C-alpha atoms as a PDB file:
ATOM      1  CA  MET A   1       0.000   0.000   0.000  1.00  0.00           C
ATOM      2  CA  GLY A   2       2.821   2.401   0.642  1.00  0.00           C
ATOM      3  CA  MET A   3       2.954   5.097   3.256  1.00  0.00           C
ATOM      4  CA  VAL A   4      -0.129   7.165   4.053  1.00  0.00           C
ATOM      5  CA  GLU A   5      -0.224  10.271   6.209  1.00  0.00           C
ATOM      6  CA  TYR A   6      -3.455  11.737   7.509  1.00  0.00           C
ATOM      7  CA  GLY A   7      -3.833  15.298   8.724  1.00  0.00           C
ATOM      8  CA  GLU A   8      -1.233  17.995   8.887  1.00  0.00           C
ATOM      9  CA  HIS A   9       2.375  17.017   9.399  1.00  0.00           C
ATOM     10  CA  GLU A  10       4.172  18.396  12.427  1.00  0.00           C
ATOM     11  CA  ASP A  11       7.618  17.435  13.606  1.00  0.00           C
ATOM     12  CA  TYR A  12       7.665  16.137  17.149  1.00  0.00           C
ATOM     13  CA  VAL A  13      10.087  18.121  19.256  1.00  0.00           C
ATOM     14  CA  PHE A  14      10.097  15.674  22.124  1.00  0.00           C
ATOM     15  CA  LEU A  15       8.774  12.176  22.721  1.00  0.00           C
ATOM     16  CA  GLY A  16       5.667  13.113  24.733  1.00  0.00           C
ATOM     17  CA  ARG A  17       4.335  15.717  22.310  1.00  0.00           C
ATOM     18  CA  ASP A  18       2.115  13.276  20.391  1.00  0.00           C
ATOM     19  CA  ILE A  19       0.018  12.786  23.534  1.00  0.00           C
ATOM     20  CA  LEU A  20      -0.869  16.484  23.598  1.00  0.00           C
ATOM     21  CA  SER A  21      -1.360  16.955  19.844  1.00  0.00           C
ATOM     22  CA  TRP A  22      -4.697  16.846  18.049  1.00  0.00           C
ATOM     23  CA  ARG A  23      -5.701  15.231  14.786  1.00  0.00           C
ATOM     24  CA  ASP A  24      -7.734  16.959  12.081  1.00  0.00           C
ATOM     25  CA  TYR A  25      -9.224  13.641  10.899  1.00  0.00           C
ATOM     26  CA  SER A  26     -11.299  10.991  12.604  1.00  0.00           C
ATOM     27  CA  GLU A  27     -10.276   7.443  13.358  1.00  0.00           C
ATOM     28  CA  ALA A  28     -13.295   6.346  11.314  1.00  0.00           C
ATOM     29  CA  ASN A  29     -11.991   8.195   8.231  1.00  0.00           C
ATOM     30  CA  ALA A  30      -8.563   6.645   8.653  1.00  0.00           C
ATOM     31  CA  ASN A  31     -10.164   3.188   8.955  1.00  0.00           C
ATOM     32  CA  LYS A  32     -12.363   3.779   5.873  1.00  0.00           C
ATOM     33  CA  SER A  33      -9.347   4.798   3.810  1.00  0.00           C
ATOM     34  CA  THR A  34      -7.345   1.789   4.944  1.00  0.00           C
ATOM     35  CA  ARG A  35     -10.301  -0.535   4.258  1.00  0.00           C
ATOM     36  CA  LYS A  36     -10.728   0.942   0.751  1.00  0.00           C
ATOM     37  CA  CYS A  37      -7.047   0.349  -0.043  1.00  0.00           C
ATOM     38  CA  ALA A  38      -7.332  -3.268   1.115  1.00  0.00           C
ATOM     39  CA  ASP A  39     -10.576  -3.786  -0.852  1.00  0.00           C
ATOM     40  CA  ASP A  40      -9.008  -2.301  -3.998  1.00  0.00           C
ATOM     41  CA  ARG A  41      -6.008  -4.597  -3.605  1.00  0.00           C
ATOM     42  CA  ASP A  42      -8.282  -7.623  -3.193  1.00  0.00           C
ATOM     43  CA  ALA A  43     -10.306  -6.653  -6.277  1.00  0.00           C
ATOM     44  CA  ILE A  44      -7.146  -6.348  -8.372  1.00  0.00           C
ATOM     45  CA  ASN A  45      -5.879  -9.713  -7.116  1.00  0.00           C
ATOM     46  CA  GLY A  46      -9.273 -11.258  -7.925  1.00  0.00           C
ATOM     47  CA  GLN A  47      -9.202  -9.853 -11.448  1.00  0.00           C
ATOM     48  CA  ARG A  48      -5.687 -11.201 -11.991  1.00  0.00           C
ATOM     49  CA  THR A  49      -6.786 -14.642 -10.809  1.00  0.00           C
ATOM     50  CA  LEU A  50      -9.816 -14.664 -13.118  1.00  0.00           C
ATOM     51  CA  ILE A  51      -7.669 -13.587 -16.057  1.00  0.00           C
ATOM     52  CA  ALA A  52      -5.091 -16.283 -15.257  1.00  0.00           C
ATOM     53  CA  ILE A  53      -7.711 -19.055 -15.233  1.00  0.00           C
ATOM     54  CA  GLY A  54      -9.948 -17.543 -17.913  1.00  0.00           C
ATOM     55  CA  ASP A  55      -9.491 -20.430 -20.372  1.00  0.00           C
ATOM     56  CA  THR A  56     -10.413 -22.960 -17.689  1.00  0.00           C
ATOM     57  CA  LEU A  57     -13.513 -20.956 -16.724  1.00  0.00           C
ATOM     58  CA  GLU A  58     -14.541 -20.773 -20.372  1.00  0.00           C
ATOM     59  CA  THR A  59     -14.163 -24.553 -20.727  1.00  0.00           C
ATOM     60  CA  ILE A  60     -16.315 -25.082 -17.619  1.00  0.00           C
ATOM     61  CA  ALA A  61     -18.941 -22.646 -18.947  1.00  0.00           C
ATOM     62  CA  LYS A  62     -19.093 -24.488 -22.322  1.00  0.00           C
ATOM     63  CA  ALA A  63     -19.421 -27.844 -20.540  1.00  0.00           C
ATOM     64  CA  LEU A  64     -22.252 -26.457 -18.400  1.00  0.00           C
ATOM     65  CA  LEU A  65     -24.049 -25.197 -21.504  1.00  0.00           C
ATOM     66  CA  GLU A  66     -23.730 -28.630 -23.082  1.00  0.00           C
ATOM     67  CA  TYR A  67     -24.436 -30.871 -20.060  1.00  0.00           C
ATOM     68  CA  GLU A  68     -26.293 -28.434 -17.737  1.00  0.00           C
ATOM     69  CA  THR A  69     -24.667 -29.933 -14.627  1.00  0.00           C
ATOM     70  CA  LEU A  70     -21.159 -30.983 -13.661  1.00  0.00           C
ATOM     71  CA  ASP A  71     -20.070 -32.801 -10.549  1.00  0.00           C
ATOM     72  CA  GLY A  72     -16.897 -32.121  -8.607  1.00  0.00           C
ATOM     73  CA  SER A  73     -14.860 -34.824 -10.335  1.00  0.00           C
ATOM     74  CA  GLN A  74     -15.744 -33.431 -13.772  1.00  0.00           C
ATOM     75  CA  ILE A  75     -14.723 -29.923 -12.756  1.00  0.00           C
ATOM     76  CA  LYS A  76     -11.455 -31.263 -11.293  1.00  0.00           C
ATOM     77  CA  GLU A  77     -10.783 -33.085 -14.558  1.00  0.00           C
ATOM     78  CA  ILE A  78     -11.346 -29.911 -16.575  1.00  0.00           C
ATOM     79  CA  MET A  79      -9.081 -27.944 -14.242  1.00  0.00           C
ATOM     80  CA  THR A  80      -6.238 -30.471 -14.435  1.00  0.00           C
ATOM     81  CA  THR A  81      -6.438 -30.982 -18.204  1.00  0.00           C
ATOM     82  CA  ALA A  82      -6.913 -27.330 -19.187  1.00  0.00           C
ATOM     83  CA  PRO A  83      -3.853 -25.792 -20.814  1.00  0.00           C
ATOM     84  CA  PRO A  84      -1.888 -23.458 -18.515  1.00  0.00           C
ATOM     85  CA  ALA A  85      -2.455 -19.741 -18.994  1.00  0.00           C
END
């Protein structure tokens, strides 16, 4: 994700200063932003996975159109015999 800074930046003169300082953002906003970054990352990873196994998914879809149902062993067979992406 990289570094993220919320609010205005102030250099801390001494160690205890952060206890007395205030924030111009809420904890909820910081959590929302962090959650959005994680969700975006998960969506991108999901898209990459679907693209990587796209040929296999297409083969499964064609088999479902032809046979209407597939059991687990048939899906496993398709997944192991499908050409690598």
